[in-house]
PDB file of N, CA and C in Angstrom:
ATOM      1  N   MET A   1       2.425 -12.894  -0.661  1.00  0.00           N
ATOM      2  CA  MET A   1       3.255 -11.974  -0.096  1.00  0.00           C
ATOM      3  C   MET A   1       3.700 -11.539   1.130  1.00  0.00           C
ATOM      4  N   ALA A   2       4.860 -11.715   1.649  1.00  0.00           N
ATOM      5  CA  ALA A   2       5.198 -11.541   2.775  1.00  0.00           C
ATOM      6  C   ALA A   2       4.800 -10.161   3.265  1.00  0.00           C
ATOM      7  N   ARG A   3       4.263  -9.898   4.381  1.00  0.00           N
ATOM      8  CA  ARG A   3       4.361  -8.480   4.887  1.00  0.00           C
ATOM      9  C   ARG A   3       5.351  -8.139   5.779  1.00  0.00           C
ATOM     10  N   LEU A   4       5.547  -6.921   6.094  1.00  0.00           N
ATOM     11  CA  LEU A   4       6.679  -6.191   6.433  1.00  0.00           C
ATOM     12  C   LEU A   4       6.104  -5.604   8.058  1.00  0.00           C
ATOM     13  N   GLY A   5       4.942  -6.114   8.157  1.00  0.00           N
ATOM     14  CA  GLY A   5       4.409  -5.554   9.558  1.00  0.00           C
ATOM     15  C   GLY A   5       3.175  -4.783   9.214  1.00  0.00           C
ATOM     16  N   LEU A   6       2.390  -4.581  10.376  1.00  0.00           N
ATOM     17  CA  LEU A   6       1.388  -3.725  10.213  1.00  0.00           C
ATOM     18  C   LEU A   6       2.053  -2.105   9.868  1.00  0.00           C
ATOM     19  N   GLY A   7       1.404  -1.393   8.567  1.00  0.00           N
ATOM     20  CA  GLY A   7       1.656  -0.153   8.524  1.00  0.00           C
ATOM     21  C   GLY A   7       2.883   0.013   7.822  1.00  0.00           C
ATOM     22  N   MET A   8       3.910  -1.221   7.471  1.00  0.00           N
ATOM     23  CA  MET A   8       5.456  -1.028   7.072  1.00  0.00           C
ATOM     24  C   MET A   8       5.157  -1.699   5.545  1.00  0.00           C
ATOM     25  N   MET A   9       4.004  -1.875   4.808  1.00  0.00           N
ATOM     26  CA  MET A   9       4.339  -2.765   3.420  1.00  0.00           C
ATOM     27  C   MET A   9       4.796  -1.425   2.727  1.00  0.00           C
ATOM     28  N   LYS A  10       5.618  -1.946   1.264  1.00  0.00           N
ATOM     29  CA  LYS A  10       6.107  -0.906   0.651  1.00  0.00           C
ATOM     30  C   LYS A  10       4.854  -0.795  -0.404  1.00  0.00           C
ATOM     31  N   VAL A  11       4.544   0.723  -0.424  1.00  0.00           N
ATOM     32  CA  VAL A  11       3.756   1.079  -1.706  1.00  0.00           C
ATOM     33  C   VAL A  11       4.560   1.721  -2.850  1.00  0.00           C
ATOM     34  N   VAL A  12       4.325   1.083  -4.052  1.00  0.00           N
ATOM     35  CA  VAL A  12       4.774   1.507  -5.074  1.00  0.00           C
ATOM     36  C   VAL A  12       3.704   2.458  -6.056  1.00  0.00           C
ATOM     37  N   ILE A  13       4.028   3.415  -5.938  1.00  0.00           N
ATOM     38  CA  ILE A  13       3.504   4.786  -7.000  1.00  0.00           C
ATOM     39  C   ILE A  13       3.532   4.644  -8.621  1.00  0.00           C
ATOM     40  N   THR A  14       2.617   4.438  -9.568  1.00  0.00           N
ATOM     41  CA  THR A  14       3.355   4.435 -10.767  1.00  0.00           C
ATOM     42  C   THR A  14       3.164   5.602 -11.523  1.00  0.00           C
ATOM     43  N   ALA A  15       4.154   5.532 -12.514  1.00  0.00           N
ATOM     44  CA  ALA A  15       4.208   6.811 -13.235  1.00  0.00           C
ATOM     45  C   ALA A  15       2.876   7.600 -13.728  1.00  0.00           C
ATOM     46  N   HIS A  16       2.221   6.836 -14.056  1.00  0.00           N
ATOM     47  CA  HIS A  16       0.859   7.193 -14.180  1.00  0.00           C
ATOM     48  C   HIS A  16       0.152   7.938 -13.190  1.00  0.00           C
ATOM     49  N   ALA A  17       0.230   7.351 -11.847  1.00  0.00           N
ATOM     50  CA  ALA A  17      -0.514   7.818 -10.830  1.00  0.00           C
ATOM     51  C   ALA A  17      -0.092   8.870 -10.431  1.00  0.00           C
ATOM     52  N   ARG A  18       1.112   9.055 -10.324  1.00  0.00           N
ATOM     53  CA  ARG A  18       2.131  10.466 -10.138  1.00  0.00           C
ATOM     54  C   ARG A  18       1.401  11.508 -11.139  1.00  0.00           C
ATOM     55  N   LYS A  19       1.422  11.058 -12.386  1.00  0.00           N
ATOM     56  CA  LYS A  19       1.369  12.119 -13.526  1.00  0.00           C
ATOM     57  C   LYS A  19      -0.208  12.410 -13.002  1.00  0.00           C
ATOM     58  N   ARG A  20      -1.151  11.638 -12.633  1.00  0.00           N
ATOM     59  CA  ARG A  20      -2.305  11.960 -12.102  1.00  0.00           C
ATOM     60  C   ARG A  20      -2.680  12.914 -11.277  1.00  0.00           C
ATOM     61  N   LEU A  21      -1.725  13.093 -10.191  1.00  0.00           N
ATOM     62  CA  LEU A  21      -1.617  13.875  -9.413  1.00  0.00           C
ATOM     63  C   LEU A  21      -1.414  15.228  -9.570  1.00  0.00           C
ATOM     64  N   GLN A  22      -1.055  15.727 -10.919  1.00  0.00           N
ATOM     65  CA  GLN A  22      -0.992  16.614 -11.066  1.00  0.00           C
ATOM     66  C   GLN A  22      -2.228  17.435 -11.954  1.00  0.00           C
ATOM     67  N   ASP A  23      -3.408  16.408 -12.158  1.00  0.00           N
ATOM     68  CA  ASP A  23      -4.300  17.031 -12.597  1.00  0.00           C
ATOM     69  C   ASP A  23      -5.325  17.658 -11.809  1.00  0.00           C
ATOM     70  N   LEU A  24      -6.144  18.484 -12.500  1.00  0.00           N
ATOM     71  CA  LEU A  24      -6.975  19.207 -11.500  1.00  0.00           C
ATOM     72  C   LEU A  24      -7.805  18.449 -10.689  1.00  0.00           C
ATOM     73  N   ARG A  25      -8.294  17.470 -11.340  1.00  0.00           N
ATOM     74  CA  ARG A  25      -9.166  16.348 -10.258  1.00  0.00           C
ATOM     75  C   ARG A  25      -8.783  15.853  -9.403  1.00  0.00           C
ATOM     76  N   GLN A  26      -7.450  15.985  -9.347  1.00  0.00           N
ATOM     77  CA  GLN A  26      -6.883  15.180  -8.068  1.00  0.00           C
ATOM     78  C   GLN A  26      -5.894  16.352  -7.350  1.00  0.00           C
ATOM     79  N   GLU A  27      -6.339  17.595  -7.149  1.00  0.00           N
ATOM     80  CA  GLU A  27      -5.553  18.557  -6.893  1.00  0.00           C
ATOM     81  C   GLU A  27      -5.709  18.360  -5.274  1.00  0.00           C
ATOM     82  N   GLN A  28      -4.651  18.987  -4.591  1.00  0.00           N
ATOM     83  CA  GLN A  28      -4.881  18.725  -2.764  1.00  0.00           C
ATOM     84  C   GLN A  28      -4.779  17.438  -2.246  1.00  0.00           C
ATOM     85  N   ILE A  29      -4.447  16.174  -3.478  1.00  0.00           N
ATOM     86  CA  ILE A  29      -4.031  14.925  -2.739  1.00  0.00           C
ATOM     87  C   ILE A  29      -2.759  14.602  -3.295  1.00  0.00           C
ATOM     88  N   ASN A  30      -1.997  14.185  -2.182  1.00  0.00           N
ATOM     89  CA  ASN A  30      -0.740  14.333  -2.274  1.00  0.00           C
ATOM     90  C   ASN A  30       0.153  12.766  -1.946  1.00  0.00           C
ATOM     91  N   GLU A  31       1.097  12.410  -2.342  1.00  0.00           N
ATOM     92  CA  GLU A  31       1.544  11.019  -1.988  1.00  0.00           C
ATOM     93  C   GLU A  31       1.823  10.351  -0.829  1.00  0.00           C
ATOM     94  N   HIS A  32       1.660  11.303   0.187  1.00  0.00           N
ATOM     95  CA  HIS A  32       1.678  10.705   2.073  1.00  0.00           C
ATOM     96  C   HIS A  32      -0.089  10.128   1.672  1.00  0.00           C
ATOM     97  N   ASP A  33      -0.748  10.669   1.356  1.00  0.00           N
ATOM     98  CA  ASP A  33      -2.375  10.559   1.459  1.00  0.00           C
ATOM     99  C   ASP A  33      -2.611   9.339   0.681  1.00  0.00           C
ATOM    100  N   ILE A  34      -1.920   9.065  -0.398  1.00  0.00           N
ATOM    101  CA  ILE A  34      -2.034   7.784  -1.407  1.00  0.00           C
ATOM    102  C   ILE A  34      -1.537   6.656  -0.267  1.00  0.00           C
ATOM    103  N   ARG A  35      -0.128   6.786   0.154  1.00  0.00           N
ATOM    104  CA  ARG A  35       0.517   5.662   0.965  1.00  0.00           C
ATOM    105  C   ARG A  35      -0.246   5.395   1.910  1.00  0.00           C
ATOM    106  N   VAL A  36      -0.910   6.470   2.811  1.00  0.00           N
ATOM    107  CA  VAL A  36      -1.783   6.244   3.585  1.00  0.00           C
ATOM    108  C   VAL A  36      -3.173   5.291   3.545  1.00  0.00           C
ATOM    109  N   ALA A  37      -3.334   5.633   2.219  1.00  0.00           N
ATOM    110  CA  ALA A  37      -4.644   4.864   2.210  1.00  0.00           C
ATOM    111  C   ALA A  37      -4.539   3.619   1.667  1.00  0.00           C
ATOM    112  N   ALA A  38      -3.342   3.394   0.565  1.00  0.00           N
ATOM    113  CA  ALA A  38      -3.135   2.159   0.097  1.00  0.00           C
ATOM    114  C   ALA A  38      -2.615   1.308   1.419  1.00  0.00           C
ATOM    115  N   ARG A  39      -1.757   1.748   2.421  1.00  0.00           N
ATOM    116  CA  ARG A  39      -1.513   0.671   3.311  1.00  0.00           C
ATOM    117  C   ARG A  39      -3.146   0.418   4.125  1.00  0.00           C
ATOM    118  N   SER A  40      -3.840   1.263   4.493  1.00  0.00           N
ATOM    119  CA  SER A  40      -5.178   0.808   5.193  1.00  0.00           C
ATOM    120  C   SER A  40      -5.824  -0.268   4.810  1.00  0.00           C
ATOM    121  N   ILE A  41      -5.869  -0.723   3.297  1.00  0.00           N
ATOM    122  CA  ILE A  41      -6.532  -1.765   2.850  1.00  0.00           C
ATOM    123  C   ILE A  41      -6.121  -3.217   3.447  1.00  0.00           C
ATOM    124  N   PRO A  42      -6.929  -3.926   3.817  1.00  0.00           N
ATOM    125  CA  PRO A  42      -6.682  -5.247   4.614  1.00  0.00           C
ATOM    126  C   PRO A  42      -6.307  -6.394   3.042  1.00  0.00           C
ATOM    127  N   GLY A  43      -5.645  -7.422   3.782  1.00  0.00           N
ATOM    128  CA  GLY A  43      -5.502  -8.222   2.715  1.00  0.00           C
ATOM    129  C   GLY A  43      -4.753  -8.484   1.593  1.00  0.00           C
ATOM    130  N   HIS A  44      -4.733  -9.451   0.926  1.00  0.00           N
ATOM    131  CA  HIS A  44      -3.828  -9.299  -0.112  1.00  0.00           C
ATOM    132  C   HIS A  44      -4.785  -9.228  -1.504  1.00  0.00           C
ATOM    133  N   ILE A  45      -4.213  -8.291  -2.556  1.00  0.00           N
ATOM    134  CA  ILE A  45      -5.372  -7.943  -3.677  1.00  0.00           C
ATOM    135  C   ILE A  45      -4.447  -8.572  -4.924  1.00  0.00           C
ATOM    136  N   PRO A  46      -5.092  -9.756  -5.523  1.00  0.00           N
ATOM    137  CA  PRO A  46      -4.073 -10.157  -6.421  1.00  0.00           C
ATOM    138  C   PRO A  46      -4.482  -9.559  -7.726  1.00  0.00           C
ATOM    139  N   THR A  47      -5.719  -9.016  -7.673  1.00  0.00           N
ATOM    140  CA  THR A  47      -5.845  -8.298  -9.134  1.00  0.00           C
ATOM    141  C   THR A  47      -6.180  -7.002  -9.035  1.00  0.00           C
ATOM    142  N   ALA A  48      -5.935  -6.211  -9.897  1.00  0.00           N
ATOM    143  CA  ALA A  48      -6.211  -4.729  -9.945  1.00  0.00           C
ATOM    144  C   ALA A  48      -7.895  -4.638  -9.687  1.00  0.00           C
ATOM    145  N   THR A  49      -7.719  -3.493  -8.538  1.00  0.00           N
ATOM    146  CA  THR A  49      -8.979  -3.496  -7.999  1.00  0.00           C
ATOM    147  C   THR A  49      -9.261  -2.031  -7.319  1.00  0.00           C
ATOM    148  N   ARG A  50     -10.664  -1.337  -7.677  1.00  0.00           N
ATOM    149  CA  ARG A  50     -10.813  -0.194  -7.215  1.00  0.00           C
ATOM    150  C   ARG A  50     -11.163   0.052  -5.852  1.00  0.00           C
ATOM    151  N   PHE A  51     -10.712   0.872  -4.957  1.00  0.00           N
ATOM    152  CA  PHE A  51     -11.391   0.891  -3.915  1.00  0.00           C
ATOM    153  C   PHE A  51     -11.737   2.252  -3.706  1.00  0.00           C
ATOM    154  N   ARG A  52     -12.865   2.684  -2.984  1.00  0.00           N
ATOM    155  CA  ARG A  52     -13.448   3.815  -3.095  1.00  0.00           C
ATOM    156  C   ARG A  52     -13.714   4.494  -1.440  1.00  0.00           C
ATOM    157  N   GLY A  53     -13.857   5.643  -1.705  1.00  0.00           N
ATOM    158  CA  GLY A  53     -14.181   6.335  -0.117  1.00  0.00           C
ATOM    159  C   GLY A  53     -13.023   6.607   0.743  1.00  0.00           C
ATOM    160  N   PHE A  54     -11.744   7.256   0.273  1.00  0.00           N
ATOM    161  CA  PHE A  54     -10.548   7.576   0.913  1.00  0.00           C
ATOM    162  C   PHE A  54     -10.513   9.083   1.034  1.00  0.00           C
ATOM    163  N   MET A  55      -9.835   9.691   2.066  1.00  0.00           N
ATOM    164  CA  MET A  55      -9.977  11.026   2.320  1.00  0.00           C
ATOM    165  C   MET A  55      -8.712  11.659   2.338  1.00  0.00           C
ATOM    166  N   ALA A  56      -8.167  12.687   1.431  1.00  0.00           N
ATOM    167  CA  ALA A  56      -7.032  13.312   1.782  1.00  0.00           C
ATOM    168  C   ALA A  56      -7.071  14.141   3.003  1.00  0.00           C
ATOM    169  N   ALA A  57      -5.825  14.443   3.483  1.00  0.00           N
ATOM    170  CA  ALA A  57      -5.764  15.303   4.964  1.00  0.00           C
ATOM    171  C   ALA A  57      -6.429  16.550   4.461  1.00  0.00           C
ATOM    172  N   SER A  58      -6.419  17.087   2.960  1.00  0.00           N
ATOM    173  CA  SER A  58      -6.891  18.306   2.840  1.00  0.00           C
ATOM    174  C   SER A  58      -8.632  18.628   2.906  1.00  0.00           C
ATOM    175  N   GLY A  59      -9.241  17.171   2.843  1.00  0.00           N
ATOM    176  CA  GLY A  59     -10.475  17.185   2.842  1.00  0.00           C
ATOM    177  C   GLY A  59     -10.929  16.288   1.652  1.00  0.00           C
ATOM    178  N   ARG A  60     -10.189  16.220   0.365  1.00  0.00           N
ATOM    179  CA  ARG A  60     -10.883  16.075  -1.154  1.00  0.00           C
ATOM    180  C   ARG A  60     -11.017  14.341  -1.097  1.00  0.00           C
ATOM    181  N   PRO A  61     -11.726  13.768  -1.540  1.00  0.00           N
ATOM    182  CA  PRO A  61     -12.340  12.669  -1.572  1.00  0.00           C
ATOM    183  C   PRO A  61     -11.713  11.840  -2.624  1.00  0.00           C
ATOM    184  N   PHE A  62     -11.094  11.043  -2.731  1.00  0.00           N
ATOM    185  CA  PHE A  62     -10.587  10.110  -3.884  1.00  0.00           C
ATOM    186  C   PHE A  62     -10.712   8.369  -3.812  1.00  0.00           C
ATOM    187  N   ASP A  63     -10.277   7.746  -5.015  1.00  0.00           N
ATOM    188  CA  ASP A  63     -10.548   6.530  -4.759  1.00  0.00           C
ATOM    189  C   ASP A  63      -9.062   5.781  -5.199  1.00  0.00           C
ATOM    190  N   LEU A  64      -8.748   4.788  -5.360  1.00  0.00           N
ATOM    191  CA  LEU A  64      -7.612   3.962  -5.627  1.00  0.00           C
ATOM    192  C   LEU A  64      -7.830   2.697  -6.440  1.00  0.00           C
ATOM    193  N   VAL A  65      -6.870   2.907  -7.502  1.00  0.00           N
ATOM    194  CA  VAL A  65      -6.884   1.137  -8.001  1.00  0.00           C
ATOM    195  C   VAL A  65      -5.851   0.689  -7.509  1.00  0.00           C
ATOM    196  N   VAL A  66      -5.661  -0.437  -6.990  1.00  0.00           N
ATOM    197  CA  VAL A  66      -4.327  -0.834  -6.494  1.00  0.00           C
ATOM    198  C   VAL A  66      -4.220  -2.560  -6.759  1.00  0.00           C
ATOM    199  N   LYS A  67      -2.761  -3.254  -6.923  1.00  0.00           N
ATOM    200  CA  LYS A  67      -2.940  -4.288  -7.102  1.00  0.00           C
ATOM    201  C   LYS A  67      -1.627  -4.688  -6.074  1.00  0.00           C
ATOM    202  N   ASP A  68      -1.573  -6.020  -5.617  1.00  0.00           N
ATOM    203  CA  ASP A  68      -0.060  -6.307  -4.825  1.00  0.00           C
ATOM    204  C   ASP A  68       0.524  -7.347  -5.772  1.00  0.00           C
ATOM    205  N   VAL A  69       2.060  -6.648  -6.051  1.00  0.00           N
ATOM    206  CA  VAL A  69       2.766  -7.520  -6.800  1.00  0.00           C
ATOM    207  C   VAL A  69       3.898  -7.881  -5.633  1.00  0.00           C
ATOM    208  N   LEU A  70       4.797  -8.585  -6.169  1.00  0.00           N
ATOM    209  CA  LEU A  70       6.126  -8.594  -5.462  1.00  0.00           C
ATOM    210  C   LEU A  70       6.966  -7.754  -4.757  1.00  0.00           C
ATOM    211  N   ALA A  71       6.900  -6.548  -5.704  1.00  0.00           N
ATOM    212  CA  ALA A  71       7.426  -5.289  -4.807  1.00  0.00           C
ATOM    213  C   ALA A  71       6.733  -4.896  -3.975  1.00  0.00           C
ATOM    214  N   GLY A  72       5.477  -4.915  -3.799  1.00  0.00           N
ATOM    215  CA  GLY A  72       4.797  -4.533  -2.625  1.00  0.00           C
ATOM    216  C   GLY A  72       3.312  -4.101  -3.255  1.00  0.00           C
ATOM    217  N   ARG A  73       2.789  -2.943  -2.750  1.00  0.00           N
ATOM    218  CA  ARG A  73       1.234  -2.834  -3.069  1.00  0.00           C
ATOM    219  C   ARG A  73       1.432  -1.588  -4.258  1.00  0.00           C
ATOM    220  N   LEU A  74       0.771  -1.901  -5.403  1.00  0.00           N
ATOM    221  CA  LEU A  74       1.269  -1.119  -6.912  1.00  0.00           C
ATOM    222  C   LEU A  74      -0.141  -0.065  -6.655  1.00  0.00           C
ATOM    223  N   VAL A  75       0.064   0.946  -6.630  1.00  0.00           N
ATOM    224  CA  VAL A  75      -0.998   2.033  -6.692  1.00  0.00           C
ATOM    225  C   VAL A  75      -0.858   2.251  -8.274  1.00  0.00           C
ATOM    226  N   ILE A  76      -2.110   2.084  -8.870  1.00  0.00           N
ATOM    227  CA  ILE A  76      -2.134   2.086 -10.325  1.00  0.00           C
ATOM    228  C   ILE A  76      -2.623   3.259 -10.905  1.00  0.00           C
ATOM    229  N   THR A  77      -3.639   3.679 -10.191  1.00  0.00           N
ATOM    230  CA  THR A  77      -4.231   5.202 -10.370  1.00  0.00           C
ATOM    231  C   THR A  77      -5.097   5.909  -9.404  1.00  0.00           C
ATOM    232  N   ILE A  78      -5.311   7.194  -9.616  1.00  0.00           N
ATOM    233  CA  ILE A  78      -5.819   7.705  -8.369  1.00  0.00           C
ATOM    234  C   ILE A  78      -7.185   8.578  -9.226  1.00  0.00           C
ATOM    235  N   ILE A  79      -7.914   8.296  -8.444  1.00  0.00           N
ATOM    236  CA  ILE A  79      -9.609   9.119  -9.153  1.00  0.00           C
ATOM    237  C   ILE A  79     -10.059  10.194  -7.990  1.00  0.00           C
ATOM    238  N   GLY A  80      -9.908  11.380  -8.184  1.00  0.00           N
ATOM    239  CA  GLY A  80     -10.320  12.284  -7.519  1.00  0.00           C
ATOM    240  C   GLY A  80     -11.936  12.588  -7.739  1.00  0.00           C
ATOM    241  N   LYS A  81     -12.454  13.129  -6.869  1.00  0.00           N
ATOM    242  CA  LYS A  81     -13.662  13.453  -6.668  1.00  0.00           C
ATOM    243  C   LYS A  81     -13.976  14.926  -6.654  1.00  0.00           C
TER     244      LYS A  81
END
């Protein structure tokens, strides 16, 4: 996958992930938090992988399941703590 440059990778958030942001368990986590977290993961992710230990600006911890596709870094789901 061609990189656009540090921090410039396109992040695609699935409809499922957007819907999960509305759930109580994910409250206080927003799309900006998700994009920052997804861009902070180094390297190429060929298969869906769970990454743990992210923190939203609100202080809410969360995990991400992401995979790199041709369109960019695909955020499959968000797991709030």
